[in-house]
Amino acid sequence: MKIKVRSKLGIYLKSKGISKTWLAEQIEAERSQVSNWCKNIDGVAKSTPSVGYLIRIMNVLNVHDIAELFEEVS
């Protein structure tokens, strides 16, 4: 079974005035990766970060609940 996930990362970044470029630099990722993690196609994330990048993102953004950035959809 494939789990479908919706990204809320782009909305979160925009609401905090944080650029994708800044986040990419902070977590040592490519801007294009961050951009893809922010996109949804037909309500489902185009791609999601690996666990390692997700931990970095949450630490840099000081987010303690993954639901602020991503959510499972049925």
PDB file of N, CA and C in Angstrom:
ATOM      1  N   MET A   1       0.843  -1.182   0.000  1.00  0.00           N
ATOM      2  CA  MET A   1       0.000   0.000   0.000  1.00  0.00           C
ATOM      3  C   MET A   1       0.886   1.241   0.000  1.00  0.00           C
ATOM      4  N   LYS A   2       0.596   2.144  -0.905  1.00  0.00           N
ATOM      5  CA  LYS A   2       1.353   3.389  -0.974  1.00  0.00           C
ATOM      6  C   LYS A   2       0.624   4.459  -0.164  1.00  0.00           C
ATOM      7  N   ILE A   3       1.350   5.114   0.707  1.00  0.00           N
ATOM      8  CA  ILE A   3       0.775   6.168   1.541  1.00  0.00           C
ATOM      9  C   ILE A   3       0.839   7.478   0.768  1.00  0.00           C
ATOM     10  N   LYS A   4      -0.288   8.163   0.701  1.00  0.00           N
ATOM     11  CA  LYS A   4      -0.346   9.454   0.017  1.00  0.00           C
ATOM     12  C   LYS A   4      -0.167  10.563   1.046  1.00  0.00           C
ATOM     13  N   VAL A   5       0.660  11.534   0.678  1.00  0.00           N
ATOM     14  CA  VAL A   5       0.997  12.632   1.584  1.00  0.00           C
ATOM     15  C   VAL A   5       0.771  13.952   0.865  1.00  0.00           C
ATOM     16  N   ARG A   6       0.218  14.914   1.566  1.00  0.00           N
ATOM     17  CA  ARG A   6       0.065  16.274   1.048  1.00  0.00           C
ATOM     18  C   ARG A   6       1.104  17.149   1.743  1.00  0.00           C
ATOM     19  N   SER A   7       1.780  17.956   0.958  1.00  0.00           N
ATOM     20  CA  SER A   7       2.765  18.874   1.514  1.00  0.00           C
ATOM     21  C   SER A   7       2.113  20.183   1.952  1.00  0.00           C
ATOM     22  N   LYS A   8       2.464  20.611   3.145  1.00  0.00           N
ATOM     23  CA  LYS A   8       2.076  21.929   3.626  1.00  0.00           C
ATOM     24  C   LYS A   8       3.324  22.790   3.838  1.00  0.00           C
ATOM     25  N   LEU A   9       4.466  22.263   3.392  1.00  0.00           N
ATOM     26  CA  LEU A   9       5.742  22.951   3.595  1.00  0.00           C
ATOM     27  C   LEU A   9       5.769  24.315   2.922  1.00  0.00           C
ATOM     28  N   GLY A  10       5.316  24.398   1.675  1.00  0.00           N
ATOM     29  CA  GLY A  10       5.327  25.681   0.962  1.00  0.00           C
ATOM     30  C   GLY A  10       4.473  26.725   1.652  1.00  0.00           C
ATOM     31  N   ILE A  11       3.299  26.323   2.103  1.00  0.00           N
ATOM     32  CA  ILE A  11       2.402  27.237   2.829  1.00  0.00           C
ATOM     33  C   ILE A  11       3.055  27.688   4.127  1.00  0.00           C
ATOM     34  N   TYR A  12       3.697  26.740   4.821  1.00  0.00           N
ATOM     35  CA  TYR A  12       4.371  27.068   6.076  1.00  0.00           C
ATOM     36  C   TYR A  12       5.479  28.093   5.836  1.00  0.00           C
ATOM     37  N   LEU A  13       6.322  27.828   4.846  1.00  0.00           N
ATOM     38  CA  LEU A  13       7.430  28.745   4.561  1.00  0.00           C
ATOM     39  C   LEU A  13       6.911  30.136   4.217  1.00  0.00           C
ATOM     40  N   LYS A  14       5.889  30.195   3.362  1.00  0.00           N
ATOM     41  CA  LYS A  14       5.332  31.487   2.960  1.00  0.00           C
ATOM     42  C   LYS A  14       4.765  32.238   4.160  1.00  0.00           C
ATOM     43  N   SER A  15       4.083  31.533   5.042  1.00  0.00           N
ATOM     44  CA  SER A  15       3.473  32.182   6.205  1.00  0.00           C
ATOM     45  C   SER A  15       4.515  32.750   7.163  1.00  0.00           C
ATOM     46  N   LYS A  16       5.712  32.170   7.141  1.00  0.00           N
ATOM     47  CA  LYS A  16       6.792  32.628   8.027  1.00  0.00           C
ATOM     48  C   LYS A  16       7.769  33.561   7.322  1.00  0.00           C
ATOM     49  N   GLY A  17       7.537  33.809   6.026  1.00  0.00           N
ATOM     50  CA  GLY A  17       8.440  34.679   5.268  1.00  0.00           C
ATOM     51  C   GLY A  17       9.799  34.056   5.019  1.00  0.00           C
ATOM     52  N   ILE A  18       9.842  32.743   4.904  1.00  0.00           N
ATOM     53  CA  ILE A  18      11.095  32.010   4.702  1.00  0.00           C
ATOM     54  C   ILE A  18      11.179  31.564   3.246  1.00  0.00           C
ATOM     55  N   SER A  19      12.319  31.808   2.624  1.00  0.00           N
ATOM     56  CA  SER A  19      12.475  31.413   1.221  1.00  0.00           C
ATOM     57  C   SER A  19      12.933  29.956   1.114  1.00  0.00           C
ATOM     58  N   LYS A  20      12.600  29.351  -0.006  1.00  0.00           N
ATOM     59  CA  LYS A  20      13.038  27.985  -0.272  1.00  0.00           C
ATOM     60  C   LYS A  20      14.561  27.928  -0.395  1.00  0.00           C
ATOM     61  N   THR A  21      15.132  28.990  -0.942  1.00  0.00           N
ATOM     62  CA  THR A  21      16.593  29.051  -1.080  1.00  0.00           C
ATOM     63  C   THR A  21      17.257  29.048   0.288  1.00  0.00           C
ATOM     64  N   TRP A  22      16.736  29.842   1.208  1.00  0.00           N
ATOM     65  CA  TRP A  22      17.298  29.898   2.565  1.00  0.00           C
ATOM     66  C   TRP A  22      17.214  28.527   3.223  1.00  0.00           C
ATOM     67  N   LEU A  23      16.051  27.883   3.134  1.00  0.00           N
ATOM     68  CA  LEU A  23      15.892  26.563   3.750  1.00  0.00           C
ATOM     69  C   LEU A  23      16.860  25.565   3.140  1.00  0.00           C
ATOM     70  N   ALA A  24      16.973  25.581   1.825  1.00  0.00           N
ATOM     71  CA  ALA A  24      17.893  24.668   1.147  1.00  0.00           C
ATOM     72  C   ALA A  24      19.323  24.844   1.653  1.00  0.00           C
ATOM     73  N   GLU A  25      19.748  26.082   1.804  1.00  0.00           N
ATOM     74  CA  GLU A  25      21.097  26.348   2.314  1.00  0.00           C
ATOM     75  C   GLU A  25      21.266  25.819   3.732  1.00  0.00           C
ATOM     76  N   GLN A  26      20.262  26.018   4.563  1.00  0.00           N
ATOM     77  CA  GLN A  26      20.342  25.605   5.965  1.00  0.00           C
ATOM     78  C   GLN A  26      20.426  24.087   6.131  1.00  0.00           C
ATOM     79  N   ILE A  27      19.745  23.355   5.255  1.00  0.00           N
ATOM     80  CA  ILE A  27      19.714  21.895   5.400  1.00  0.00           C
ATOM     81  C   ILE A  27      20.657  21.194   4.419  1.00  0.00           C
ATOM     82  N   GLU A  28      21.440  21.985   3.680  1.00  0.00           N
ATOM     83  CA  GLU A  28      22.408  21.474   2.715  1.00  0.00           C
ATOM     84  C   GLU A  28      21.736  20.600   1.647  1.00  0.00           C
ATOM     85  N   ALA A  29      20.687  21.167   1.061  1.00  0.00           N
ATOM     86  CA  ALA A  29      19.959  20.503  -0.022  1.00  0.00           C
ATOM     87  C   ALA A  29      19.933  21.435  -1.226  1.00  0.00           C
ATOM     88  N   GLU A  30      19.532  20.924  -2.353  1.00  0.00           N
ATOM     89  CA  GLU A  30      19.356  21.744  -3.540  1.00  0.00           C
ATOM     90  C   GLU A  30      18.022  22.487  -3.438  1.00  0.00           C
ATOM     91  N   ARG A  31      17.969  23.714  -3.956  1.00  0.00           N
ATOM     92  CA  ARG A  31      16.726  24.473  -3.928  1.00  0.00           C
ATOM     93  C   ARG A  31      15.629  23.727  -4.666  1.00  0.00           C
ATOM     94  N   SER A  32      15.997  23.052  -5.755  1.00  0.00           N
ATOM     95  CA  SER A  32      15.003  22.306  -6.537  1.00  0.00           C
ATOM     96  C   SER A  32      14.377  21.186  -5.717  1.00  0.00           C
ATOM     97  N   GLN A  33      15.153  20.578  -4.817  1.00  0.00           N
ATOM     98  CA  GLN A  33      14.594  19.556  -3.935  1.00  0.00           C
ATOM     99  C   GLN A  33      13.528  20.165  -3.035  1.00  0.00           C
ATOM    100  N   VAL A  34      13.870  21.278  -2.405  1.00  0.00           N
ATOM    101  CA  VAL A  34      12.922  21.945  -1.514  1.00  0.00           C
ATOM    102  C   VAL A  34      11.676  22.349  -2.292  1.00  0.00           C
ATOM    103  N   SER A  35      11.871  22.867  -3.485  1.00  0.00           N
ATOM    104  CA  SER A  35      10.744  23.263  -4.319  1.00  0.00           C
ATOM    105  C   SER A  35       9.827  22.072  -4.600  1.00  0.00           C
ATOM    106  N   ASN A  36      10.408  20.927  -4.917  1.00  0.00           N
ATOM    107  CA  ASN A  36       9.605  19.730  -5.173  1.00  0.00           C
ATOM    108  C   ASN A  36       8.870  19.259  -3.921  1.00  0.00           C
ATOM    109  N   TRP A  37       9.487  19.399  -2.761  1.00  0.00           N
ATOM    110  CA  TRP A  37       8.850  18.997  -1.505  1.00  0.00           C
ATOM    111  C   TRP A  37       7.667  19.900  -1.170  1.00  0.00           C
ATOM    112  N   CYS A  38       7.643  21.089  -1.734  1.00  0.00           N
ATOM    113  CA  CYS A  38       6.561  22.050  -1.478  1.00  0.00           C
ATOM    114  C   CYS A  38       5.381  21.870  -2.424  1.00  0.00           C
ATOM    115  N   LYS A  39       5.572  21.167  -3.533  1.00  0.00           N
ATOM    116  CA  LYS A  39       4.541  21.050  -4.566  1.00  0.00           C
ATOM    117  C   LYS A  39       3.596  19.880  -4.319  1.00  0.00           C
ATOM    118  N   ASN A  40       2.338  20.112  -4.644  1.00  0.00           N
ATOM    119  CA  ASN A  40       1.329  19.061  -4.648  1.00  0.00           C
ATOM    120  C   ASN A  40       0.772  18.945  -6.055  1.00  0.00           C
ATOM    121  N   ILE A  41       0.549  17.732  -6.489  1.00  0.00           N
ATOM    122  CA  ILE A  41      -0.082  17.473  -7.780  1.00  0.00           C
ATOM    123  C   ILE A  41      -1.350  16.673  -7.493  1.00  0.00           C
ATOM    124  N   ASP A  42      -2.481  17.243  -7.866  1.00  0.00           N
ATOM    125  CA  ASP A  42      -3.776  16.624  -7.577  1.00  0.00           C
ATOM    126  C   ASP A  42      -3.931  16.317  -6.091  1.00  0.00           C
ATOM    127  N   GLY A  43      -3.431  17.228  -5.248  1.00  0.00           N
ATOM    128  CA  GLY A  43      -3.587  17.096  -3.803  1.00  0.00           C
ATOM    129  C   GLY A  43      -2.599  16.181  -3.120  1.00  0.00           C
ATOM    130  N   VAL A  44      -1.611  15.679  -3.873  1.00  0.00           N
ATOM    131  CA  VAL A  44      -0.616  14.765  -3.310  1.00  0.00           C
ATOM    132  C   VAL A  44       0.782  15.334  -3.570  1.00  0.00           C
ATOM    133  N   ALA A  45       1.652  15.232  -2.564  1.00  0.00           N
ATOM    134  CA  ALA A  45       3.005  15.770  -2.682  1.00  0.00           C
ATOM    135  C   ALA A  45       3.737  15.171  -3.882  1.00  0.00           C
ATOM    136  N   LYS A  46       4.398  16.050  -4.648  1.00  0.00           N
ATOM    137  CA  LYS A  46       5.192  15.600  -5.789  1.00  0.00           C
ATOM    138  C   LYS A  46       6.298  14.673  -5.307  1.00  0.00           C
ATOM    139  N   SER A  47       6.951  15.050  -4.219  1.00  0.00           N
ATOM    140  CA  SER A  47       7.962  14.212  -3.579  1.00  0.00           C
ATOM    141  C   SER A  47       8.051  14.630  -2.116  1.00  0.00           C
ATOM    142  N   THR A  48       8.664  13.782  -1.322  1.00  0.00           N
ATOM    143  CA  THR A  48       8.820  14.080   0.105  1.00  0.00           C
ATOM    144  C   THR A  48      10.286  13.915   0.495  1.00  0.00           C
ATOM    145  N   PRO A  49      10.710  14.641   1.503  1.00  0.00           N
ATOM    146  CA  PRO A  49      12.104  14.527   1.929  1.00  0.00           C
ATOM    147  C   PRO A  49      12.368  13.191   2.616  1.00  0.00           C
ATOM    148  N   SER A  50      13.614  12.759   2.543  1.00  0.00           N
ATOM    149  CA  SER A  50      14.021  11.574   3.299  1.00  0.00           C
ATOM    150  C   SER A  50      13.916  11.899   4.785  1.00  0.00           C
ATOM    151  N   VAL A  51      13.971  10.901   5.607  1.00  0.00           N
ATOM    152  CA  VAL A  51      13.882  11.106   7.057  1.00  0.00           C
ATOM    153  C   VAL A  51      14.992  12.046   7.527  1.00  0.00           C
ATOM    154  N   GLY A  52      16.188  11.884   7.006  1.00  0.00           N
ATOM    155  CA  GLY A  52      17.305  12.745   7.404  1.00  0.00           C
ATOM    156  C   GLY A  52      17.038  14.206   7.105  1.00  0.00           C
ATOM    157  N   TYR A  53      16.562  14.488   5.884  1.00  0.00           N
ATOM    158  CA  TYR A  53      16.234  15.870   5.535  1.00  0.00           C
ATOM    159  C   TYR A  53      15.042  16.371   6.340  1.00  0.00           C
ATOM    160  N   LEU A  54      14.086  15.508   6.585  1.00  0.00           N
ATOM    161  CA  LEU A  54      12.923  15.918   7.369  1.00  0.00           C
ATOM    162  C   LEU A  54      13.337  16.346   8.773  1.00  0.00           C
ATOM    163  N   ILE A  55      14.238  15.605   9.376  1.00  0.00           N
ATOM    164  CA  ILE A  55      14.742  15.972  10.708  1.00  0.00           C
ATOM    165  C   ILE A  55      15.438  17.320  10.645  1.00  0.00           C
ATOM    166  N   ARG A  56      16.260  17.533   9.623  1.00  0.00           N
ATOM    167  CA  ARG A  56      16.942  18.824   9.471  1.00  0.00           C
ATOM    168  C   ARG A  56      15.937  19.961   9.308  1.00  0.00           C
ATOM    169  N   ILE A  57      14.931  19.744   8.454  1.00  0.00           N
ATOM    170  CA  ILE A  57      13.911  20.772   8.223  1.00  0.00           C
ATOM    171  C   ILE A  57      13.222  21.123   9.535  1.00  0.00           C
ATOM    172  N   MET A  58      12.796  20.115  10.259  1.00  0.00           N
ATOM    173  CA  MET A  58      12.073  20.361  11.505  1.00  0.00           C
ATOM    174  C   MET A  58      12.957  21.083  12.525  1.00  0.00           C
ATOM    175  N   ASN A  59      14.230  20.729  12.589  1.00  0.00           N
ATOM    176  CA  ASN A  59      15.149  21.400  13.518  1.00  0.00           C
ATOM    177  C   ASN A  59      15.370  22.858  13.133  1.00  0.00           C
ATOM    178  N   VAL A  60      15.643  23.101  11.853  1.00  0.00           N
ATOM    179  CA  VAL A  60      15.910  24.463  11.380  1.00  0.00           C
ATOM    180  C   VAL A  60      14.685  25.362  11.566  1.00  0.00           C
ATOM    181  N   LEU A  61      13.500  24.812  11.292  1.00  0.00           N
ATOM    182  CA  LEU A  61      12.271  25.600  11.406  1.00  0.00           C
ATOM    183  C   LEU A  61      11.691  25.582  12.820  1.00  0.00           C
ATOM    184  N   ASN A  62      12.309  24.808  13.703  1.00  0.00           N
ATOM    185  CA  ASN A  62      11.837  24.663  15.080  1.00  0.00           C
ATOM    186  C   ASN A  62      10.382  24.173  15.110  1.00  0.00           C
ATOM    187  N   VAL A  63      10.101  23.175  14.284  1.00  0.00           N
ATOM    188  CA  VAL A  63       8.778  22.564  14.198  1.00  0.00           C
ATOM    189  C   VAL A  63       8.824  21.251  14.977  1.00  0.00           C
ATOM    190  N   HIS A  64       7.851  21.046  15.847  1.00  0.00           N
ATOM    191  CA  HIS A  64       7.837  19.851  16.683  1.00  0.00           C
ATOM    192  C   HIS A  64       6.776  18.842  16.273  1.00  0.00           C
ATOM    193  N   ASP A  65       5.930  19.213  15.332  1.00  0.00           N
ATOM    194  CA  ASP A  65       4.859  18.333  14.878  1.00  0.00           C
ATOM    195  C   ASP A  65       4.899  18.251  13.358  1.00  0.00           C
ATOM    196  N   ILE A  66       5.170  17.082  12.832  1.00  0.00           N
ATOM    197  CA  ILE A  66       5.274  16.898  11.388  1.00  0.00           C
ATOM    198  C   ILE A  66       4.002  17.336  10.663  1.00  0.00           C
ATOM    199  N   ALA A  67       2.877  17.288  11.360  1.00  0.00           N
ATOM    200  CA  ALA A  67       1.594  17.670  10.754  1.00  0.00           C
ATOM    201  C   ALA A  67       1.573  19.138  10.332  1.00  0.00           C
ATOM    202  N   GLU A  68       2.494  19.951  10.836  1.00  0.00           N
ATOM    203  CA  GLU A  68       2.569  21.342  10.385  1.00  0.00           C
ATOM    204  C   GLU A  68       3.124  21.429   8.964  1.00  0.00           C
ATOM    205  N   LEU A  69       3.846  20.377   8.537  1.00  0.00           N
ATOM    206  CA  LEU A  69       4.526  20.410   7.247  1.00  0.00           C
ATOM    207  C   LEU A  69       3.979  19.411   6.232  1.00  0.00           C
ATOM    208  N   PHE A  70       3.501  18.282   6.700  1.00  0.00           N
ATOM    209  CA  PHE A  70       2.995  17.227   5.820  1.00  0.00           C
ATOM    210  C   PHE A  70       1.827  16.527   6.497  1.00  0.00           C
ATOM    211  N   GLU A  71       0.885  16.021   5.669  1.00  0.00           N
ATOM    212  CA  GLU A  71      -0.230  15.274   6.233  1.00  0.00           C
ATOM    213  C   GLU A  71      -0.597  14.117   5.314  1.00  0.00           C
ATOM    214  N   GLU A  72      -1.059  13.046   5.920  1.00  0.00           N
ATOM    215  CA  GLU A  72      -1.500  11.901   5.151  1.00  0.00           C
ATOM    216  C   GLU A  72      -2.888  12.190   4.590  1.00  0.00           C
ATOM    217  N   VAL A  73      -3.089  11.784   3.352  1.00  0.00           N
ATOM    218  CA  VAL A  73      -4.407  11.946   2.725  1.00  0.00           C
ATOM    219  C   VAL A  73      -4.910  10.583   2.290  1.00  0.00           C
ATOM    220  N   SER A  74      -6.227  10.456   2.252  1.00  0.00           N
ATOM    221  CA  SER A  74      -6.794   9.153   1.871  1.00  0.00           C
ATOM    222  C   SER A  74      -7.191   9.127   0.419  1.00  0.00           C
TER     223      SER A  74
END
